[in-house]
Amino acid sequence: MKLLNAGYDVWIGNNSEVDESYHATLTWEEDWKNLNWGAFGVKDLPTEIDVILDVTGAEKVTYLGYS
């Protein structure tokens, strides 16, 4: 909330590898079996950043990760 209250545009992404996230065309079991942490760095995160840049029109983002 502090970042939001300070005027930052805050986006919260989700890794496709966590229980609470499901792939649009795969079952949870298929998603878990076929994807891995490497997919997050190669597919999920770049897609999230592209969407943020496209929606906001910003030139760059600052990424903060938490596990």
PDB file of N, CA and C in Angstrom:
ATOM      1  N   MET A   1       0.817  -1.197   0.000  1.00  0.00           N
ATOM      2  CA  MET A   1       0.000   0.000   0.000  1.00  0.00           C
ATOM      3  C   MET A   1       0.857   1.256   0.000  1.00  0.00           C
ATOM      4  N   LYS A   2       2.029   1.171   0.608  1.00  0.00           N
ATOM      5  CA  LYS A   2       2.872   2.361   0.670  1.00  0.00           C
ATOM      6  C   LYS A   2       3.276   2.823  -0.721  1.00  0.00           C
ATOM      7  N   LEU A   3       3.626   1.898  -1.595  1.00  0.00           N
ATOM      8  CA  LEU A   3       4.003   2.283  -2.956  1.00  0.00           C
ATOM      9  C   LEU A   3       2.808   2.883  -3.699  1.00  0.00           C
ATOM     10  N   LEU A   4       1.673   2.262  -3.561  1.00  0.00           N
ATOM     11  CA  LEU A   4       0.463   2.767  -4.202  1.00  0.00           C
ATOM     12  C   LEU A   4       0.118   4.156  -3.681  1.00  0.00           C
ATOM     13  N   ASN A   5       0.181   4.325  -2.376  1.00  0.00           N
ATOM     14  CA  ASN A   5      -0.111   5.634  -1.774  1.00  0.00           C
ATOM     15  C   ASN A   5       0.923   6.693  -2.146  1.00  0.00           C
ATOM     16  N   ALA A   6       2.119   6.241  -2.515  1.00  0.00           N
ATOM     17  CA  ALA A   6       3.166   7.177  -2.928  1.00  0.00           C
ATOM     18  C   ALA A   6       3.057   7.539  -4.407  1.00  0.00           C
ATOM     19  N   GLY A   7       2.046   6.995  -5.094  1.00  0.00           N
ATOM     20  CA  GLY A   7       1.808   7.360  -6.481  1.00  0.00           C
ATOM     21  C   GLY A   7       2.338   6.383  -7.517  1.00  0.00           C
ATOM     22  N   TYR A   8       2.862   5.248  -7.080  1.00  0.00           N
ATOM     23  CA  TYR A   8       3.359   4.253  -8.022  1.00  0.00           C
ATOM     24  C   TYR A   8       2.212   3.431  -8.588  1.00  0.00           C
ATOM     25  N   ASP A   9       2.362   3.014  -9.827  1.00  0.00           N
ATOM     26  CA  ASP A   9       1.415   2.111 -10.468  1.00  0.00           C
ATOM     27  C   ASP A   9       1.854   0.702 -10.083  1.00  0.00           C
ATOM     28  N   VAL A  10       1.112   0.040  -9.229  1.00  0.00           N
ATOM     29  CA  VAL A  10       1.507  -1.259  -8.681  1.00  0.00           C
ATOM     30  C   VAL A  10       0.753  -2.379  -9.389  1.00  0.00           C
ATOM     31  N   TRP A  11       1.501  -3.329  -9.908  1.00  0.00           N
ATOM     32  CA  TRP A  11       0.927  -4.504 -10.563  1.00  0.00           C
ATOM     33  C   TRP A  11       1.382  -5.736  -9.792  1.00  0.00           C
ATOM     34  N   ILE A  12       0.504  -6.704  -9.637  1.00  0.00           N
ATOM     35  CA  ILE A  12       0.848  -7.939  -8.940  1.00  0.00           C
ATOM     36  C   ILE A  12       0.685  -9.095  -9.917  1.00  0.00           C
ATOM     37  N   GLY A  13       1.786  -9.747 -10.210  1.00  0.00           N
ATOM     38  CA  GLY A  13       1.772 -10.892 -11.117  1.00  0.00           C
ATOM     39  C   GLY A  13       1.720 -12.181 -10.333  1.00  0.00           C
ATOM     40  N   ASN A  14       1.513 -13.267 -11.032  1.00  0.00           N
ATOM     41  CA  ASN A  14       1.456 -14.570 -10.383  1.00  0.00           C
ATOM     42  C   ASN A  14       2.179 -15.584 -11.258  1.00  0.00           C
ATOM     43  N   ASN A  15       2.974 -16.407 -10.650  1.00  0.00           N
ATOM     44  CA  ASN A  15       3.702 -17.443 -11.347  1.00  0.00           C
ATOM     45  C   ASN A  15       2.755 -18.600 -11.658  1.00  0.00           C
ATOM     46  N   SER A  16       2.830 -19.128 -12.861  1.00  0.00           N
ATOM     47  CA  SER A  16       1.948 -20.243 -13.239  1.00  0.00           C
ATOM     48  C   SER A  16       2.272 -21.515 -12.473  1.00  0.00           C
ATOM     49  N   GLU A  17       3.333 -21.529 -11.703  1.00  0.00           N
ATOM     50  CA  GLU A  17       3.727 -22.717 -10.956  1.00  0.00           C
ATOM     51  C   GLU A  17       3.090 -22.821  -9.571  1.00  0.00           C
ATOM     52  N   VAL A  18       2.330 -21.846  -9.140  1.00  0.00           N
ATOM     53  CA  VAL A  18       1.775 -21.909  -7.793  1.00  0.00           C
ATOM     54  C   VAL A  18       0.370 -22.492  -7.823  1.00  0.00           C
ATOM     55  N   ASP A  19      -0.041 -23.076  -6.698  1.00  0.00           N
ATOM     56  CA  ASP A  19      -1.331 -23.761  -6.618  1.00  0.00           C
ATOM     57  C   ASP A  19      -2.512 -22.879  -6.985  1.00  0.00           C
ATOM     58  N   GLU A  20      -2.443 -21.602  -6.685  1.00  0.00           N
ATOM     59  CA  GLU A  20      -3.583 -20.713  -6.885  1.00  0.00           C
ATOM     60  C   GLU A  20      -3.706 -20.215  -8.320  1.00  0.00           C
ATOM     61  N   SER A  21      -2.792 -20.607  -9.204  1.00  0.00           N
ATOM     62  CA  SER A  21      -2.792 -20.131 -10.572  1.00  0.00           C
ATOM     63  C   SER A  21      -3.034 -21.298 -11.522  1.00  0.00           C
ATOM     64  N   TYR A  22      -3.838 -21.073 -12.544  1.00  0.00           N
ATOM     65  CA  TYR A  22      -4.130 -22.129 -13.493  1.00  0.00           C
ATOM     66  C   TYR A  22      -3.926 -21.630 -14.915  1.00  0.00           C
ATOM     67  N   HIS A  23      -3.380 -22.497 -15.757  1.00  0.00           N
ATOM     68  CA  HIS A  23      -3.169 -22.192 -17.165  1.00  0.00           C
ATOM     69  C   HIS A  23      -4.515 -22.200 -17.865  1.00  0.00           C
ATOM     70  N   ALA A  24      -4.673 -21.339 -18.840  1.00  0.00           N
ATOM     71  CA  ALA A  24      -5.969 -21.184 -19.510  1.00  0.00           C
ATOM     72  C   ALA A  24      -6.415 -22.442 -20.247  1.00  0.00           C
ATOM     73  N   THR A  25      -5.481 -23.241 -20.765  1.00  0.00           N
ATOM     74  CA  THR A  25      -5.882 -24.397 -21.569  1.00  0.00           C
ATOM     75  C   THR A  25      -5.432 -25.729 -20.996  1.00  0.00           C
ATOM     76  N   LEU A  26      -4.714 -25.722 -19.874  1.00  0.00           N
ATOM     77  CA  LEU A  26      -4.242 -26.965 -19.272  1.00  0.00           C
ATOM     78  C   LEU A  26      -4.924 -27.198 -17.932  1.00  0.00           C
ATOM     79  N   THR A  27      -5.078 -28.464 -17.567  1.00  0.00           N
ATOM     80  CA  THR A  27      -5.543 -28.747 -16.220  1.00  0.00           C
ATOM     81  C   THR A  27      -4.426 -28.395 -15.246  1.00  0.00           C
ATOM     82  N   TRP A  28      -4.763 -28.310 -13.960  1.00  0.00           N
ATOM     83  CA  TRP A  28      -3.747 -28.002 -12.958  1.00  0.00           C
ATOM     84  C   TRP A  28      -2.631 -29.036 -13.001  1.00  0.00           C
ATOM     85  N   GLU A  29      -2.983 -30.323 -13.140  1.00  0.00           N
ATOM     86  CA  GLU A  29      -1.986 -31.390 -13.166  1.00  0.00           C
ATOM     87  C   GLU A  29      -1.070 -31.259 -14.380  1.00  0.00           C
ATOM     88  N   GLU A  30      -1.633 -30.960 -15.548  1.00  0.00           N
ATOM     89  CA  GLU A  30      -0.827 -30.780 -16.752  1.00  0.00           C
ATOM     90  C   GLU A  30       0.071 -29.559 -16.627  1.00  0.00           C
ATOM     91  N   ASP A  31      -0.486 -28.495 -16.083  1.00  0.00           N
ATOM     92  CA  ASP A  31       0.271 -27.265 -15.893  1.00  0.00           C
ATOM     93  C   ASP A  31       1.468 -27.527 -14.988  1.00  0.00           C
ATOM     94  N   TRP A  32       1.244 -28.172 -13.864  1.00  0.00           N
ATOM     95  CA  TRP A  32       2.302 -28.432 -12.880  1.00  0.00           C
ATOM     96  C   TRP A  32       3.362 -29.354 -13.472  1.00  0.00           C
ATOM     97  N   LYS A  33       2.940 -30.358 -14.228  1.00  0.00           N
ATOM     98  CA  LYS A  33       3.864 -31.338 -14.796  1.00  0.00           C
ATOM     99  C   LYS A  33       4.695 -30.727 -15.925  1.00  0.00           C
ATOM    100  N   ASN A  34       4.094 -29.880 -16.735  1.00  0.00           N
ATOM    101  CA  ASN A  34       4.745 -29.408 -17.952  1.00  0.00           C
ATOM    102  C   ASN A  34       5.519 -28.100 -17.789  1.00  0.00           C
ATOM    103  N   LEU A  35       5.198 -27.328 -16.766  1.00  0.00           N
ATOM    104  CA  LEU A  35       5.881 -26.057 -16.582  1.00  0.00           C
ATOM    105  C   LEU A  35       6.842 -26.150 -15.407  1.00  0.00           C
ATOM    106  N   ASN A  36       7.801 -25.249 -15.369  1.00  0.00           N
ATOM    107  CA  ASN A  36       8.769 -25.271 -14.282  1.00  0.00           C
ATOM    108  C   ASN A  36       9.181 -23.840 -13.953  1.00  0.00           C
ATOM    109  N   TRP A  37      10.045 -23.696 -12.954  1.00  0.00           N
ATOM    110  CA  TRP A  37      10.470 -22.355 -12.556  1.00  0.00           C
ATOM    111  C   TRP A  37      11.174 -21.630 -13.694  1.00  0.00           C
ATOM    112  N   GLY A  38      11.856 -22.379 -14.551  1.00  0.00           N
ATOM    113  CA  GLY A  38      12.511 -21.756 -15.703  1.00  0.00           C
ATOM    114  C   GLY A  38      11.497 -21.102 -16.634  1.00  0.00           C
ATOM    115  N   ALA A  39      10.309 -21.726 -16.749  1.00  0.00           N
ATOM    116  CA  ALA A  39       9.259 -21.164 -17.594  1.00  0.00           C
ATOM    117  C   ALA A  39       8.808 -19.809 -17.065  1.00  0.00           C
ATOM    118  N   PHE A  40       8.836 -19.643 -15.764  1.00  0.00           N
ATOM    119  CA  PHE A  40       8.468 -18.355 -15.186  1.00  0.00           C
ATOM    120  C   PHE A  40       9.386 -17.257 -15.709  1.00  0.00           C
ATOM    121  N   GLY A  41      10.681 -17.510 -15.687  1.00  0.00           N
ATOM    122  CA  GLY A  41      11.639 -16.509 -16.140  1.00  0.00           C
ATOM    123  C   GLY A  41      11.648 -16.304 -17.636  1.00  0.00           C
ATOM    124  N   VAL A  42      11.327 -17.351 -18.378  1.00  0.00           N
ATOM    125  CA  VAL A  42      11.391 -17.289 -19.833  1.00  0.00           C
ATOM    126  C   VAL A  42      10.062 -16.868 -20.466  1.00  0.00           C
ATOM    127  N   LYS A  43       8.951 -17.262 -19.854  1.00  0.00           N
ATOM    128  CA  LYS A  43       7.641 -17.005 -20.456  1.00  0.00           C
ATOM    129  C   LYS A  43       6.766 -16.065 -19.625  1.00  0.00           C
ATOM    130  N   ASP A  44       6.506 -16.435 -18.374  1.00  0.00           N
ATOM    131  CA  ASP A  44       5.547 -15.680 -17.563  1.00  0.00           C
ATOM    132  C   ASP A  44       5.994 -14.241 -17.320  1.00  0.00           C
ATOM    133  N   LEU A  45       7.175 -14.076 -16.786  1.00  0.00           N
ATOM    134  CA  LEU A  45       7.631 -12.738 -16.414  1.00  0.00           C
ATOM    135  C   LEU A  45       7.766 -11.801 -17.619  1.00  0.00           C
ATOM    136  N   PRO A  46       8.389 -12.216 -18.722  1.00  0.00           N
ATOM    137  CA  PRO A  46       8.449 -11.313 -19.875  1.00  0.00           C
ATOM    138  C   PRO A  46       7.061 -10.926 -20.403  1.00  0.00           C
ATOM    139  N   THR A  47       6.111 -11.869 -20.354  1.00  0.00           N
ATOM    140  CA  THR A  47       4.752 -11.571 -20.806  1.00  0.00           C
ATOM    141  C   THR A  47       4.101 -10.555 -19.882  1.00  0.00           C
ATOM    142  N   GLU A  48       4.269 -10.734 -18.567  1.00  0.00           N
ATOM    143  CA  GLU A  48       3.714  -9.771 -17.609  1.00  0.00           C
ATOM    144  C   GLU A  48       4.286  -8.374 -17.855  1.00  0.00           C
ATOM    145  N   ILE A  49       5.585  -8.295 -18.052  1.00  0.00           N
ATOM    146  CA  ILE A  49       6.229  -6.991 -18.285  1.00  0.00           C
ATOM    147  C   ILE A  49       5.729  -6.376 -19.583  1.00  0.00           C
ATOM    148  N   ASP A  50       5.614  -7.170 -20.652  1.00  0.00           N
ATOM    149  CA  ASP A  50       5.096  -6.662 -21.922  1.00  0.00           C
ATOM    150  C   ASP A  50       3.693  -6.095 -21.774  1.00  0.00           C
ATOM    151  N   VAL A  51       2.838  -6.784 -21.035  1.00  0.00           N
ATOM    152  CA  VAL A  51       1.464  -6.316 -20.822  1.00  0.00           C
ATOM    153  C   VAL A  51       1.482  -4.989 -20.053  1.00  0.00           C
ATOM    154  N   ILE A  52       2.280  -4.911 -19.009  1.00  0.00           N
ATOM    155  CA  ILE A  52       2.355  -3.673 -18.224  1.00  0.00           C
ATOM    156  C   ILE A  52       2.821  -2.515 -19.086  1.00  0.00           C
ATOM    157  N   LEU A  53       3.863  -2.722 -19.881  1.00  0.00           N
ATOM    158  CA  LEU A  53       4.371  -1.663 -20.754  1.00  0.00           C
ATOM    159  C   LEU A  53       3.317  -1.253 -21.782  1.00  0.00           C
ATOM    160  N   ASP A  54       2.622  -2.236 -22.339  1.00  0.00           N
ATOM    161  CA  ASP A  54       1.599  -1.952 -23.343  1.00  0.00           C
ATOM    162  C   ASP A  54       0.427  -1.171 -22.744  1.00  0.00           C
ATOM    163  N   VAL A  55      -0.043  -1.595 -21.598  1.00  0.00           N
ATOM    164  CA  VAL A  55      -1.207  -0.960 -20.970  1.00  0.00           C
ATOM    165  C   VAL A  55      -0.883   0.440 -20.462  1.00  0.00           C
ATOM    166  N   THR A  56       0.285   0.592 -19.852  1.00  0.00           N
ATOM    167  CA  THR A  56       0.622   1.876 -19.240  1.00  0.00           C
ATOM    168  C   THR A  56       1.279   2.859 -20.194  1.00  0.00           C
ATOM    169  N   GLY A  57       1.890   2.344 -21.262  1.00  0.00           N
ATOM    170  CA  GLY A  57       2.641   3.209 -22.158  1.00  0.00           C
ATOM    171  C   GLY A  57       3.989   3.620 -21.586  1.00  0.00           C
ATOM    172  N   ALA A  58       4.370   3.019 -20.473  1.00  0.00           N
ATOM    173  CA  ALA A  58       5.656   3.332 -19.843  1.00  0.00           C
ATOM    174  C   ALA A  58       6.804   2.802 -20.695  1.00  0.00           C
ATOM    175  N   GLU A  59       7.984   3.383 -20.505  1.00  0.00           N
ATOM    176  CA  GLU A  59       9.167   2.925 -21.225  1.00  0.00           C
ATOM    177  C   GLU A  59       9.910   1.828 -20.479  1.00  0.00           C
ATOM    178  N   LYS A  60       9.730   1.767 -19.164  1.00  0.00           N
ATOM    179  CA  LYS A  60      10.406   0.747 -18.368  1.00  0.00           C
ATOM    180  C   LYS A  60       9.600   0.479 -17.100  1.00  0.00           C
ATOM    181  N   VAL A  61       9.933  -0.625 -16.447  1.00  0.00           N
ATOM    182  CA  VAL A  61       9.306  -0.969 -15.167  1.00  0.00           C
ATOM    183  C   VAL A  61      10.401  -1.272 -14.153  1.00  0.00           C
ATOM    184  N   THR A  62      10.057  -1.152 -12.903  1.00  0.00           N
ATOM    185  CA  THR A  62      10.916  -1.629 -11.827  1.00  0.00           C
ATOM    186  C   THR A  62      10.259  -2.884 -11.283  1.00  0.00           C
ATOM    187  N   TYR A  63      11.004  -3.965 -11.244  1.00  0.00           N
ATOM    188  CA  TYR A  63      10.444  -5.252 -10.810  1.00  0.00           C
ATOM    189  C   TYR A  63      10.927  -5.557  -9.409  1.00  0.00           C
ATOM    190  N   LEU A  64       9.994  -5.869  -8.523  1.00  0.00           N
ATOM    191  CA  LEU A  64      10.319  -6.329  -7.180  1.00  0.00           C
ATOM    192  C   LEU A  64       9.746  -7.723  -7.034  1.00  0.00           C
ATOM    193  N   GLY A  65      10.579  -8.678  -6.662  1.00  0.00           N
ATOM    194  CA  GLY A  65      10.113 -10.044  -6.506  1.00  0.00           C
ATOM    195  C   GLY A  65      10.074 -10.434  -5.047  1.00  0.00           C
ATOM    196  N   TYR A  66       9.171 -11.306  -4.719  1.00  0.00           N
ATOM    197  CA  TYR A  66       9.039 -11.790  -3.341  1.00  0.00           C
ATOM    198  C   TYR A  66       8.617 -13.247  -3.391  1.00  0.00           C
ATOM    199  N   SER A  67       9.206 -14.037  -2.551  1.00  0.00           N
ATOM    200  CA  SER A  67       8.850 -15.446  -2.499  1.00  0.00           C
ATOM    201  C   SER A  67       8.442 -15.817  -1.093  1.00  0.00           C
TER     202      SER A  67
END
